[in-house]
Structure formats: structure tokens, C-alpha cells
Amino acid sequence: MTPSGLPVVIIVAGALFAIGLGGMIARNHLIKMVMGLEFLGKAVSLLFILGGYLGGDTGISQAVVFTLIAIEAVIAGVALALVILIKRAWKTFDSEIIFRLIRGGDQ
């Protein structure tokens, strides 16, 4: 990688992290929250690879990222299964409505 490519990778990782964090903070749609979690994971994976490259040991960083990808896949599967169960129980993906219904609001 050329030295001019390093800022591009950092900017892309930062953009992925910001999009993921925005999706997690917005908290209005459960599937968007799961997608935000995935974006956060991809940004961290990209930074792990960059750190391994800069440290001179890409093999270890790639092994960590492969493990991280496997863990992310399991987390995404469980999270989406929970979202489907919540959708069946409450008939909506909107977390604000779900929290209001749980607290005993409009039914």
C-alpha cells in the first residue's frame, strides 16, 4: 500500500464507524440498529487489518479479523432472530413504540 493510501483507509473506516454509530444511536428501527452494529464491526475489522499492515504482521491481524467475522455472523444471526421474534410479538419494528407498549402505553 502506498503512503497516500493510508488516509483513504482511515477515512473509509471512520465513515463506516460513523454510519454504524448513527444507526445504533438513532434507535428508531430495529433492523437499522442491527445493520449499524454490522457497520461498526466492519470498521473495526478494517482498522485491525491496517494496524497489522503498519505493524508489519498482517498474518496475525488477518487471523483476528477472520475470527471477528465469524463472531459477527453469529451475533447478526441471533440479533435478527430476536428482531423477528419482537416483530411477531409487538407487530412493529419501531423501538419507540415497543418501549411505549412495554411500559403500558397504547395497546
C-alpha atoms as a PDB file:
ATOM      1  CA  MET A   1       0.000   0.000   0.000  1.00  0.00           C
ATOM      2  CA  THR A   2       1.293   3.413  -0.846  1.00  0.00           C
ATOM      3  CA  PRO A   3       1.593   6.056   1.880  1.00  0.00           C
ATOM      4  CA  SER A   4      -1.092   8.077   0.104  1.00  0.00           C
ATOM      5  CA  GLY A   5      -3.498   5.146   0.506  1.00  0.00           C
ATOM      6  CA  LEU A   6      -3.332   5.135   4.311  1.00  0.00           C
ATOM      7  CA  PRO A   7      -5.516   8.229   4.825  1.00  0.00           C
ATOM      8  CA  VAL A   8      -8.086   6.767   2.440  1.00  0.00           C
ATOM      9  CA  VAL A   9      -8.342   3.581   4.502  1.00  0.00           C
ATOM     10  CA  ILE A  10      -8.622   5.580   7.722  1.00  0.00           C
ATOM     11  CA  ILE A  11     -11.305   7.834   6.222  1.00  0.00           C
ATOM     12  CA  VAL A  12     -13.291   4.838   4.956  1.00  0.00           C
ATOM     13  CA  ALA A  13     -13.038   3.120   8.339  1.00  0.00           C
ATOM     14  CA  GLY A  14     -14.091   6.333  10.058  1.00  0.00           C
ATOM     15  CA  ALA A  15     -17.040   6.735   7.712  1.00  0.00           C
ATOM     16  CA  LEU A  16     -18.145   3.139   8.317  1.00  0.00           C
ATOM     17  CA  PHE A  17     -17.826   3.653  12.060  1.00  0.00           C
ATOM     18  CA  ALA A  18     -19.805   6.919  11.926  1.00  0.00           C
ATOM     19  CA  ILE A  19     -22.580   5.329   9.854  1.00  0.00           C
ATOM     20  CA  GLY A  20     -22.736   2.371  12.227  1.00  0.00           C
ATOM     21  CA  LEU A  21     -22.774   4.583  15.295  1.00  0.00           C
ATOM     22  CA  GLY A  22     -25.500   6.713  13.739  1.00  0.00           C
ATOM     23  CA  GLY A  23     -27.557   3.607  13.085  1.00  0.00           C
ATOM     24  CA  MET A  24     -27.126   2.460  16.660  1.00  0.00           C
ATOM     25  CA  ILE A  25     -27.912   5.850  18.181  1.00  0.00           C
ATOM     26  CA  ALA A  26     -30.981   6.585  16.019  1.00  0.00           C
ATOM     27  CA  ARG A  27     -32.852   3.719  17.740  1.00  0.00           C
ATOM     28  CA  ASN A  28     -35.999   4.038  15.685  1.00  0.00           C
ATOM     29  CA  HIS A  29     -35.900   0.816  13.665  1.00  0.00           C
ATOM     30  CA  LEU A  30     -34.589  -2.496  14.978  1.00  0.00           C
ATOM     31  CA  ILE A  31     -33.196  -3.727  11.658  1.00  0.00           C
ATOM     32  CA  LYS A  32     -31.310  -0.445  11.184  1.00  0.00           C
ATOM     33  CA  MET A  33     -29.790  -0.985  14.620  1.00  0.00           C
ATOM     34  CA  VAL A  34     -28.567  -4.455  13.606  1.00  0.00           C
ATOM     35  CA  MET A  35     -27.153  -3.019  10.369  1.00  0.00           C
ATOM     36  CA  GLY A  36     -25.408  -0.294  12.390  1.00  0.00           C
ATOM     37  CA  LEU A  37     -23.835  -2.975  14.551  1.00  0.00           C
ATOM     38  CA  GLU A  38     -22.529  -4.702  11.423  1.00  0.00           C
ATOM     39  CA  PHE A  39     -21.079  -1.445  10.071  1.00  0.00           C
ATOM     40  CA  LEU A  40     -19.261  -0.921  13.368  1.00  0.00           C
ATOM     41  CA  GLY A  41     -17.790  -4.413  13.099  1.00  0.00           C
ATOM     42  CA  LYS A  42     -16.591  -3.852   9.544  1.00  0.00           C
ATOM     43  CA  ALA A  43     -14.908  -0.581  10.515  1.00  0.00           C
ATOM     44  CA  VAL A  44     -13.080  -2.290  13.363  1.00  0.00           C
ATOM     45  CA  SER A  45     -12.048  -5.135  11.047  1.00  0.00           C
ATOM     46  CA  LEU A  46     -10.634  -2.655   8.549  1.00  0.00           C
ATOM     47  CA  LEU A  47      -8.651  -0.909  11.276  1.00  0.00           C
ATOM     48  CA  PHE A  48      -7.305  -4.249  12.561  1.00  0.00           C
ATOM     49  CA  ILE A  49      -6.003  -5.048   9.078  1.00  0.00           C
ATOM     50  CA  LEU A  50      -4.477  -1.577   8.788  1.00  0.00           C
ATOM     51  CA  GLY A  51      -2.852  -1.928  12.197  1.00  0.00           C
ATOM     52  CA  GLY A  52      -1.374  -5.278  11.216  1.00  0.00           C
ATOM     53  CA  TYR A  53      -0.045  -3.795   7.996  1.00  0.00           C
ATOM     54  CA  LEU A  54       1.541  -0.865   9.782  1.00  0.00           C
ATOM     55  CA  GLY A  55       2.970  -3.157  12.455  1.00  0.00           C
ATOM     56  CA  GLY A  56       4.473  -5.438   9.839  1.00  0.00           C
ATOM     57  CA  ASP A  57       2.492  -8.538  10.791  1.00  0.00           C
ATOM     58  CA  THR A  58      -0.554  -8.885   8.596  1.00  0.00           C
ATOM     59  CA  GLY A  59      -0.925 -12.613   9.293  1.00  0.00           C
ATOM     60  CA  ILE A  60      -1.953 -12.182  12.911  1.00  0.00           C
ATOM     61  CA  SER A  61      -4.273  -9.289  12.137  1.00  0.00           C
ATOM     62  CA  GLN A  62      -5.948 -11.292   9.376  1.00  0.00           C
ATOM     63  CA  ALA A  63      -6.437 -14.226  11.755  1.00  0.00           C
ATOM     64  CA  VAL A  64      -8.039 -11.885  14.287  1.00  0.00           C
ATOM     65  CA  VAL A  65     -10.289 -10.424  11.595  1.00  0.00           C
ATOM     66  CA  PHE A  66     -11.361 -13.872  10.373  1.00  0.00           C
ATOM     67  CA  THR A  67     -12.334 -14.744  13.943  1.00  0.00           C
ATOM     68  CA  LEU A  68     -14.103 -11.401  14.281  1.00  0.00           C
ATOM     69  CA  ILE A  69     -16.071 -12.027  11.075  1.00  0.00           C
ATOM     70  CA  ALA A  70     -17.225 -15.416  12.374  1.00  0.00           C
ATOM     71  CA  ILE A  71     -18.323 -13.873  15.672  1.00  0.00           C
ATOM     72  CA  GLU A  72     -20.105 -11.033  13.829  1.00  0.00           C
ATOM     73  CA  ALA A  73     -22.020 -13.539  11.721  1.00  0.00           C
ATOM     74  CA  VAL A  74     -23.278 -15.329  14.822  1.00  0.00           C
ATOM     75  CA  ILE A  75     -24.203 -12.040  16.513  1.00  0.00           C
ATOM     76  CA  ALA A  76     -26.041 -10.831  13.410  1.00  0.00           C
ATOM     77  CA  GLY A  77     -27.961 -14.102  13.145  1.00  0.00           C
ATOM     78  CA  VAL A  78     -29.021 -14.028  16.783  1.00  0.00           C
ATOM     79  CA  ALA A  79     -29.892 -10.327  16.628  1.00  0.00           C
ATOM     80  CA  LEU A  80     -32.020 -10.775  13.508  1.00  0.00           C
ATOM     81  CA  ALA A  81     -33.758 -13.788  15.067  1.00  0.00           C
ATOM     82  CA  LEU A  82     -34.593 -11.663  18.112  1.00  0.00           C
ATOM     83  CA  VAL A  83     -35.851  -8.860  15.874  1.00  0.00           C
ATOM     84  CA  ILE A  84     -38.151 -11.312  14.094  1.00  0.00           C
ATOM     85  CA  LEU A  85     -39.499 -12.572  17.431  1.00  0.00           C
ATOM     86  CA  ILE A  86     -40.073  -8.994  18.590  1.00  0.00           C
ATOM     87  CA  LYS A  87     -41.850  -8.209  15.319  1.00  0.00           C
ATOM     88  CA  ARG A  88     -44.145 -11.202  15.790  1.00  0.00           C
ATOM     89  CA  ALA A  89     -44.939 -10.248  19.385  1.00  0.00           C
ATOM     90  CA  TRP A  90     -45.386  -6.479  19.014  1.00  0.00           C
ATOM     91  CA  LYS A  91     -46.261  -6.188  15.274  1.00  0.00           C
ATOM     92  CA  THR A  92     -43.721  -3.406  14.656  1.00  0.00           C
ATOM     93  CA  PHE A  93     -40.017  -2.754  14.138  1.00  0.00           C
ATOM     94  CA  ASP A  94     -40.162   0.702  15.749  1.00  0.00           C
ATOM     95  CA  SER A  95     -38.339   0.550  19.076  1.00  0.00           C
ATOM     96  CA  GLU A  96     -40.054   3.654  20.463  1.00  0.00           C
ATOM     97  CA  ILE A  97     -43.484   2.069  20.006  1.00  0.00           C
ATOM     98  CA  ILE A  98     -42.267  -1.190  21.516  1.00  0.00           C
ATOM     99  CA  PHE A  99     -40.864   0.582  24.595  1.00  0.00           C
ATOM    100  CA  ARG A 100     -44.112   2.516  24.996  1.00  0.00           C
ATOM    101  CA  LEU A 101     -46.148  -0.704  24.758  1.00  0.00           C
ATOM    102  CA  ILE A 102     -43.894  -2.440  27.287  1.00  0.00           C
ATOM    103  CA  ARG A 103     -44.353   0.430  29.754  1.00  0.00           C
ATOM    104  CA  GLY A 104     -48.121   0.052  29.457  1.00  0.00           C
ATOM    105  CA  GLY A 105     -48.973   2.787  26.995  1.00  0.00           C
ATOM    106  CA  ASP A 106     -51.257   2.481  23.984  1.00  0.00           C
ATOM    107  CA  GLN A 107     -52.322  -1.064  23.270  1.00  0.00           C
END
